Amino acid sequence: MTALPSHVQELADRVATGHGVEVLELALRGQGRGRVLSVVLDAEEPVEADVVELVSKDLSRALDQADPVAGSYTLEVSTPGLGRPLLTGRDFRRQRGHEVSIDRDGQDEEASPVQGVVVDADDEAVLLEVGGSQVRVPLSEVVRGKVVLPW
């Protein structure tokens, strides 16, 4: 991965914010003609495809004008996707109302995996609805969380 000038992050943040989303990840990968400037967008609500397209067009224009990255590259704007691991309170808050599975750290019964619907989350724990009751899972115990797909 190639280091990016801070100006690239500033441009990406400004464009994304203008469309009500934020830059989750920004990276320049590859070498020579195969370089890809990857921008991953996220928001509290799911990011619609038309927003991704608008950010891509506006960011492409802004990068062409400012020209902060030497050489050629392909701009790739996307969202994290369902396979992205859930680790933080923010990750889990974005999944409110959706079923998730959480692998927990530890050796005892409390450390077994748990699956349920996200009720809420903060910077300390995620609250799940599991079989009619609520289960609080401290984020410090979360090894990996993932969205359970309905199919």
Protein backbone atom coordinates (compact mmCIF):
# COMPACT_ATOMS: atom_id res chain seq x y z
CA MET A 1 0.00 0.00 0.00
CA THR A 2 1.30 3.43 -0.96
CA ALA A 3 1.20 6.41 1.40
CA LEU A 4 -1.21 9.12 0.34
CA PRO A 5 -0.80 12.88 0.75
CA SER A 6 -3.10 14.22 3.50
CA HIS A 7 -4.75 16.41 0.88
CA VAL A 8 -6.32 13.29 -0.67
CA GLN A 9 -8.02 12.42 2.64
CA GLU A 10 -9.24 16.01 2.99
CA LEU A 11 -10.72 15.99 -0.54
CA ALA A 12 -12.39 12.62 -0.01
CA ASP A 13 -13.80 13.67 3.37
CA ARG A 14 -15.17 16.94 1.98
CA VAL A 15 -16.87 15.27 -1.00
CA ALA A 16 -18.29 12.42 1.10
CA THR A 17 -19.61 14.77 3.79
CA GLY A 18 -21.32 16.81 1.10
CA HIS A 19 -23.36 13.72 0.25
CA GLY A 20 -24.15 12.76 3.86
CA VAL A 21 -21.65 9.91 4.13
CA GLU A 22 -18.15 9.50 5.49
CA VAL A 23 -14.91 7.92 4.34
CA LEU A 24 -14.34 4.73 6.30
CA GLU A 25 -11.15 3.69 4.45
CA LEU A 26 -8.89 5.33 1.90
CA ALA A 27 -5.95 3.50 0.33
CA LEU A 28 -3.78 3.47 -2.78
CA ARG A 29 -2.97 -0.13 -3.71
CA GLY A 30 -0.92 -1.71 -6.45
CA GLN A 31 1.90 -0.41 -8.60
CA GLY A 32 2.38 1.20 -11.98
CA ARG A 33 -0.65 1.19 -14.25
CA GLY A 34 -2.48 -1.21 -11.93
CA ARG A 35 -2.82 1.25 -9.04
CA VAL A 36 -6.26 1.63 -7.48
CA LEU A 37 -7.32 4.48 -5.20
CA SER A 38 -9.91 2.72 -3.05
CA VAL A 39 -12.47 4.77 -1.11
CA VAL A 40 -14.90 2.95 1.20
CA LEU A 41 -17.96 4.96 2.27
CA ASP A 42 -20.19 4.41 5.26
CA ALA A 43 -23.03 6.11 7.15
CA GLU A 44 -25.42 5.43 10.00
CA GLU A 45 -27.97 4.18 7.44
CA PRO A 46 -27.20 1.96 4.43
CA VAL A 47 -25.46 3.94 1.67
CA GLU A 48 -27.53 3.92 -1.52
CA ALA A 49 -25.93 3.14 -4.89
CA ASP A 50 -26.79 6.58 -6.28
CA VAL A 51 -24.87 8.22 -3.43
CA VAL A 52 -21.82 6.05 -4.20
CA GLU A 53 -22.08 7.11 -7.85
CA LEU A 54 -22.36 10.82 -6.98
CA VAL A 55 -19.40 10.67 -4.60
CA SER A 56 -17.38 8.84 -7.24
CA LYS A 57 -18.11 11.47 -9.90
CA ASP A 58 -17.54 14.45 -7.60
CA LEU A 59 -14.38 12.99 -6.07
CA SER A 60 -13.00 12.13 -9.51
CA ARG A 61 -13.53 15.74 -10.58
CA ALA A 62 -11.92 17.10 -7.39
CA LEU A 63 -8.92 14.78 -7.73
CA ASP A 64 -8.46 15.73 -11.40
CA GLN A 65 -8.45 19.44 -10.47
CA ALA A 66 -6.16 19.16 -7.45
CA ASP A 67 -3.97 16.36 -8.92
CA PRO A 68 -2.57 15.28 -5.50
CA VAL A 69 -1.60 11.76 -6.63
CA ALA A 70 1.24 11.47 -9.12
CA GLY A 71 0.79 9.06 -12.01
CA SER A 72 -2.22 7.14 -13.18
CA TYR A 73 -4.66 5.16 -11.04
CA THR A 74 -8.23 3.92 -11.08
CA LEU A 75 -10.67 5.42 -8.57
CA GLU A 76 -12.84 2.80 -6.89
CA VAL A 77 -15.63 3.99 -4.57
CA SER A 78 -17.64 1.38 -2.65
CA THR A 79 -19.28 0.48 0.66
CA PRO A 80 -17.96 -2.06 3.19
CA GLY A 81 -20.40 -4.83 2.25
CA LEU A 82 -22.07 -7.44 4.44
CA GLY A 83 -18.92 -9.50 4.93
CA ARG A 84 -17.16 -6.78 6.88
CA PRO A 85 -16.50 -7.87 10.48
CA LEU A 86 -18.38 -6.06 13.23
CA LEU A 87 -16.08 -5.04 16.08
CA THR A 88 -17.02 -1.61 17.45
CA GLY A 89 -20.14 -0.14 18.98
CA ARG A 90 -20.56 1.92 15.86
CA ASP A 91 -20.40 -1.21 13.66
CA PHE A 92 -23.15 -2.85 15.72
CA ARG A 93 -25.33 0.31 15.92
CA ARG A 94 -25.47 0.30 12.13
CA GLN A 95 -26.97 -3.17 12.32
CA ARG A 96 -29.89 -2.31 14.65
CA GLY A 97 -32.83 -4.56 13.82
CA HIS A 98 -30.63 -7.07 11.97
CA GLU A 99 -29.55 -10.48 13.15
CA VAL A 100 -25.87 -10.90 13.94
CA SER A 101 -23.61 -13.66 15.19
CA ILE A 102 -20.85 -12.84 17.68
CA ASP A 103 -17.81 -14.96 18.49
CA ARG A 104 -16.59 -14.17 22.00
CA ASP A 105 -13.21 -14.44 23.69
CA GLY A 106 -12.75 -16.68 26.73
CA GLN A 107 -12.89 -20.26 27.98
CA ASP A 108 -16.16 -20.47 29.92
CA GLU A 109 -19.82 -20.88 28.86
CA GLU A 110 -20.19 -17.09 28.67
CA ALA A 111 -17.63 -17.08 25.85
CA SER A 112 -19.69 -19.27 23.53
CA PRO A 113 -20.94 -17.71 20.30
CA VAL A 114 -24.21 -15.80 20.53
CA GLN A 115 -26.70 -14.97 17.80
CA GLY A 116 -29.51 -12.43 17.99
CA VAL A 117 -31.03 -9.21 16.74
CA VAL A 118 -29.16 -6.00 17.58
CA VAL A 119 -31.29 -3.84 19.89
CA ASP A 120 -28.64 -1.22 20.63
CA ALA A 121 -24.91 -0.70 21.11
CA ASP A 122 -22.58 1.83 22.69
CA ASP A 123 -18.83 2.07 23.10
CA GLU A 124 -18.91 -0.58 25.86
CA ALA A 125 -21.34 -3.30 24.75
CA VAL A 126 -23.89 -4.56 22.24
CA LEU A 127 -27.42 -5.47 23.37
CA LEU A 128 -29.03 -8.39 21.52
CA GLU A 129 -32.54 -9.84 21.54
CA VAL A 130 -32.01 -13.59 21.89
CA GLY A 131 -35.00 -15.91 22.21
CA GLY A 132 -37.25 -13.31 23.83
CA SER A 133 -34.68 -11.97 26.29
CA GLN A 134 -31.93 -9.41 26.03
CA VAL A 135 -28.26 -10.34 26.24
CA ARG A 136 -25.53 -7.76 26.84
CA VAL A 137 -22.19 -8.61 25.23
CA PRO A 138 -19.24 -6.42 26.28
CA LEU A 139 -17.26 -5.28 23.23
CA SER A 140 -14.08 -6.30 25.05
CA GLU A 141 -15.23 -9.94 24.60
CA VAL A 142 -16.10 -9.63 20.89
CA VAL A 143 -13.60 -11.49 18.72
CA ARG A 144 -15.70 -11.08 15.60
CA GLY A 145 -19.26 -10.21 14.77
CA LYS A 146 -20.99 -10.71 11.45
CA VAL A 147 -24.38 -10.09 9.92
CA VAL A 148 -26.46 -13.26 9.57
CA LEU A 149 -27.83 -13.34 6.05
CA PRO A 150 -31.52 -14.26 5.76
CA TRP A 151 -30.94 -16.99 3.18
